[in-house]
């Protein structure tokens, strides 16, 4: 359909004017105001969108962080459980390898013996102490040295007969199973070849107090592992 139409005028045209058929003109102030409103609306929409994205990322990060922390805690607990399970055995293995190489002197053996004897409340009770041959030899040598010193201290106030009597009394019991130390007259010492260096057992009328290193180590292991 064509909108062209031929129009004939009886006279020549002196001029013509064209009227607008579009929307009425809008003042520049109103255009600026509407543009500003549209800009603010777009700005707010973009801001809301990116804030929502940021919150979404923040929530995802928090969830991932929580997951990582939970996994880390689980691994930490698992590692600690393994340490609690394996460390006591490892420590005991190290100790058991080190102890046999430790050299014990007479003073060390004496401390071990006196420590076990000290567990008996009755000082008048007769006790029998069992040591390995090497440790008993060390104690006897110490006892002789101490008694020699006691004799030397008393020598100035004794005559020759008294001195000979004192010497005889000192060594009466050293080669047998009787007391070695003067302050432990009710304690007799015995040799036990089945014991190792550092081992000590004390027998009383109530039974046997086991001070062997192996027994002590077993008690320590039970305490560490909770299997006592």
Protein backbone atom coordinates (compact mmCIF):
# COMPACT_ATOMS: atom_id res chain seq x y z
CA UNK A 1 0.00 0.00 0.00
CA UNK A 2 1.51 3.29 -1.08
CA UNK A 3 1.13 6.56 0.78
CA UNK A 4 2.27 8.63 -2.20
CA UNK A 5 -0.39 10.96 -3.62
CA UNK A 6 -0.09 13.54 -6.34
CA UNK A 7 -1.54 16.87 -5.36
CA UNK A 8 -2.15 19.62 -7.91
CA UNK A 9 -2.28 23.23 -6.89
CA UNK A 10 -4.14 25.77 -9.05
CA UNK A 11 -1.51 28.41 -8.43
CA UNK A 12 2.19 28.33 -7.80
CA UNK A 13 3.10 27.85 -4.17
CA UNK A 14 4.69 30.75 -2.42
CA UNK A 15 6.01 28.58 0.42
CA UNK A 16 5.12 25.73 2.74
CA UNK A 17 5.65 24.60 6.37
CA UNK A 18 5.80 21.15 7.95
CA UNK A 19 4.36 20.47 11.31
CA UNK A 20 5.85 17.76 13.55
CA UNK A 21 3.96 14.56 13.97
CA UNK A 22 6.25 13.25 16.80
CA UNK A 23 5.87 13.51 20.56
CA UNK A 24 5.83 16.99 21.93
CA UNK A 25 9.28 18.39 22.82
CA UNK A 26 10.65 17.69 26.34
CA UNK A 27 12.46 20.40 28.32
CA UNK A 28 16.21 19.83 28.79
CA UNK A 29 15.83 20.03 32.55
CA UNK A 30 13.39 17.14 32.54
CA UNK A 31 15.65 15.11 30.26
CA UNK A 32 18.58 15.67 32.63
CA UNK A 33 16.45 14.71 35.65
CA UNK A 34 15.18 11.52 34.01
CA UNK A 35 18.72 10.63 32.88
CA UNK A 36 19.98 11.10 36.43
CA UNK A 37 17.22 8.87 37.80
CA UNK A 38 17.98 6.17 35.24
CA UNK A 39 21.69 6.40 36.11
CA UNK A 40 21.01 6.02 39.82
CA UNK A 41 18.66 3.11 39.17
CA UNK A 42 21.31 1.38 37.04
CA UNK A 43 23.98 2.13 39.62
CA UNK A 44 21.83 0.69 42.43
CA UNK A 45 20.97 -2.38 40.35
CA UNK A 46 24.65 -3.03 39.56
CA UNK A 47 25.64 -2.43 43.20
CA UNK A 48 22.98 -4.86 44.47
CA UNK A 49 24.07 -7.45 41.91
CA UNK A 50 27.76 -7.29 42.82
CA UNK A 51 27.02 -7.17 46.56
CA UNK A 52 24.96 -10.34 46.12
CA UNK A 53 27.83 -11.95 44.22
CA UNK A 54 30.30 -10.91 46.91
CA UNK A 55 28.07 -12.35 49.63
CA UNK A 56 27.74 -15.55 47.60
CA UNK A 57 31.52 -15.82 47.26
CA UNK A 58 31.95 -15.01 50.93
CA UNK A 59 29.52 -17.77 51.93
CA UNK A 60 31.22 -20.25 49.58
CA UNK A 61 34.62 -19.31 50.99
CA UNK A 62 33.35 -19.67 54.56
CA UNK A 63 31.91 -23.10 53.73
CA UNK A 64 35.18 -24.18 52.11
CA UNK A 65 37.16 -22.81 55.03
CA UNK A 66 34.96 -24.68 57.50
CA UNK A 67 35.41 -27.87 55.49
CA UNK A 68 39.18 -27.40 55.42
CA UNK A 69 39.28 -26.75 59.18
CA UNK A 70 37.15 -29.81 59.89
CA UNK A 71 39.41 -31.98 57.73
CA UNK A 72 42.46 -30.47 59.40
CA UNK A 73 41.02 -31.18 62.86
CA UNK A 74 40.25 -34.76 61.85
CA UNK A 75 43.79 -35.25 60.54
CA UNK A 76 45.22 -33.64 63.68
CA UNK A 77 43.15 -35.91 65.93
CA UNK A 78 44.18 -38.92 63.85
CA UNK A 79 47.86 -37.92 64.08
CA UNK A 80 47.59 -37.41 67.84
CA UNK A 81 45.90 -40.78 68.23
CA UNK A 82 48.73 -42.39 66.28
CA UNK A 83 51.30 -40.60 68.44
CA UNK A 84 49.54 -41.68 71.63
CA UNK A 85 49.46 -45.22 70.31
CA UNK A 86 53.01 -45.48 68.95
CA UNK A 87 55.06 -43.00 70.99
CA UNK A 88 55.08 -44.94 74.30
CA UNK A 89 56.36 -48.05 72.54
CA UNK A 90 59.01 -46.04 70.70
CA UNK A 91 60.13 -44.34 73.92
CA UNK A 92 60.34 -47.67 75.71
CA UNK A 93 62.36 -49.21 72.86
CA UNK A 94 64.84 -46.32 73.06
CA UNK A 95 65.10 -46.62 76.84
CA UNK A 96 65.56 -50.39 76.68
CA UNK A 97 68.42 -49.92 74.22
CA UNK A 98 70.08 -47.20 76.31
CA UNK A 99 69.84 -48.76 79.79
CA UNK A 100 72.08 -51.80 79.15
CA UNK A 101 74.89 -49.47 78.12
CA UNK A 102 74.74 -47.40 81.33
CA UNK A 103 77.61 -48.17 83.70
CA UNK A 104 76.55 -48.42 87.33
CA UNK A 105 78.97 -47.62 90.11
CA UNK A 106 78.91 -48.75 93.72
CA UNK A 107 77.06 -45.59 94.77
CA UNK A 108 74.39 -46.24 92.15
CA UNK A 109 73.89 -49.80 93.36
CA UNK A 110 73.72 -48.62 96.96
CA UNK A 111 71.02 -46.07 96.09
CA UNK A 112 68.98 -48.78 94.34
CA UNK A 113 69.27 -51.10 97.35
CA UNK A 114 68.48 -48.43 99.94
CA UNK A 115 65.52 -47.23 97.87
CA UNK A 116 63.93 -50.69 97.94
CA UNK A 117 64.77 -51.24 101.60
CA UNK A 118 63.17 -47.88 102.38
CA UNK A 119 59.81 -49.22 101.22
CA UNK A 120 59.62 -51.39 104.34
CA UNK A 121 58.14 -49.55 107.29
CA UNK A 122 59.59 -51.88 109.95
CA UNK A 123 63.29 -51.02 110.37
CA UNK A 124 63.73 -54.04 112.65
CA UNK A 125 62.58 -56.51 110.02
CA UNK A 126 65.12 -59.00 108.71
CA UNK A 127 65.58 -58.60 104.97
CA UNK A 128 67.40 -60.52 102.29
CA UNK A 129 68.74 -58.59 99.30
CA UNK A 130 69.52 -60.33 96.02
CA UNK A 131 71.91 -58.76 93.49
CA UNK A 132 73.79 -59.87 90.41
CA UNK A 133 77.41 -60.97 91.10
CA UNK A 134 78.91 -57.75 89.67
CA UNK A 135 76.73 -55.42 91.75
CA UNK A 136 77.25 -57.45 94.92
CA UNK A 137 81.01 -57.26 94.37
CA UNK A 138 80.78 -53.47 94.09
CA UNK A 139 78.80 -53.25 97.32
CA UNK A 140 81.25 -55.47 99.20
CA UNK A 141 84.14 -53.31 98.03
CA UNK A 142 82.29 -50.22 99.18
CA UNK A 143 81.52 -51.81 102.53
CA UNK A 144 85.18 -52.69 103.08
CA UNK A 145 86.25 -49.15 102.21
CA UNK A 146 83.73 -47.61 104.60
CA UNK A 147 84.68 -49.98 107.40
CA UNK A 148 88.38 -49.33 106.82
CA UNK A 149 87.67 -45.63 107.27
CA UNK A 150 85.79 -46.29 110.49
CA UNK A 151 88.74 -48.28 111.79
CA UNK A 152 91.16 -45.49 110.87
CA UNK A 153 89.02 -42.99 112.74
CA UNK A 154 89.04 -45.14 115.87
CA UNK A 155 92.70 -46.19 115.61
CA UNK A 156 94.05 -43.32 117.68
CA UNK A 157 92.02 -44.34 120.73
CA UNK A 158 92.67 -48.10 120.57
CA UNK A 159 95.67 -50.22 121.44
CA UNK A 160 97.07 -52.96 119.26
CA UNK A 161 94.86 -55.66 120.76
CA UNK A 162 91.76 -53.54 120.33
CA UNK A 163 92.76 -52.74 116.73
CA UNK A 164 93.18 -56.42 115.86
CA UNK A 165 89.83 -57.20 117.44
CA UNK A 166 88.11 -54.46 115.46
CA UNK A 167 89.63 -55.70 112.19
CA UNK A 168 88.51 -59.23 112.89
CA UNK A 169 84.98 -58.09 113.65
CA UNK A 170 84.74 -56.04 110.48
CA UNK A 171 85.58 -58.83 108.06
CA UNK A 172 83.73 -61.63 109.82
CA UNK A 173 80.71 -61.39 107.54
CA UNK A 174 81.99 -59.88 104.29
CA UNK A 175 82.73 -63.14 102.52
CA UNK A 176 79.38 -64.68 103.33
CA UNK A 177 75.76 -63.58 103.07
CA UNK A 178 75.62 -61.36 106.14
CA UNK A 179 75.34 -57.57 106.43
CA UNK A 180 77.68 -55.38 104.42
CA UNK A 181 76.82 -51.97 105.83
CA UNK A 182 77.02 -51.26 109.55
CA UNK A 183 73.78 -49.23 109.52
CA UNK A 184 71.91 -52.17 107.95
CA UNK A 185 72.67 -54.98 110.42
CA UNK A 186 69.42 -56.84 109.70
CA UNK A 187 69.94 -56.87 105.94
CA UNK A 188 71.77 -59.82 104.37
CA UNK A 189 73.03 -59.80 100.80
CA UNK A 190 72.92 -62.71 98.38
CA UNK A 191 74.28 -63.30 94.91
CA UNK A 192 71.81 -64.24 92.16
CA UNK A 193 73.32 -64.96 88.75
CA UNK A 194 69.90 -64.77 87.10
CA UNK A 195 69.74 -61.03 87.81
CA UNK A 196 71.19 -58.35 85.55
CA UNK A 197 73.16 -55.25 86.50
CA UNK A 198 70.90 -52.76 88.22
CA UNK A 199 68.44 -55.47 89.27
CA UNK A 200 67.55 -55.86 92.91
CA UNK A 201 65.08 -58.03 94.80
CA UNK A 202 64.32 -57.82 98.49
CA UNK A 203 62.77 -60.72 100.37
CA UNK A 204 60.91 -60.24 103.62
CA UNK A 205 58.56 -62.32 105.69
CA UNK A 206 55.71 -60.87 103.63
CA UNK A 207 57.09 -61.85 100.25
CA UNK A 208 59.43 -60.67 97.50
CA UNK A 209 59.78 -57.03 96.43
CA UNK A 210 60.74 -57.09 92.77
CA UNK A 211 63.11 -54.26 91.82
CA UNK A 212 64.36 -55.71 88.55
CA UNK A 213 64.81 -53.23 85.72
CA UNK A 214 62.59 -55.35 83.46
CA UNK A 215 59.79 -55.17 86.04
CA UNK A 216 60.15 -51.41 86.38
CA UNK A 217 60.14 -51.02 82.61
CA UNK A 218 57.00 -53.13 82.32
CA UNK A 219 55.25 -50.93 84.90
CA UNK A 220 56.31 -47.78 83.07
CA UNK A 221 55.05 -49.22 79.76
CA UNK A 222 51.71 -50.10 81.38
CA UNK A 223 51.40 -46.58 82.76
CA UNK A 224 52.19 -45.01 79.38
CA UNK A 225 49.87 -47.23 77.37
CA UNK A 226 47.12 -47.48 79.98
CA UNK A 227 47.20 -51.26 79.85
CA UNK A 228 47.99 -51.75 83.50
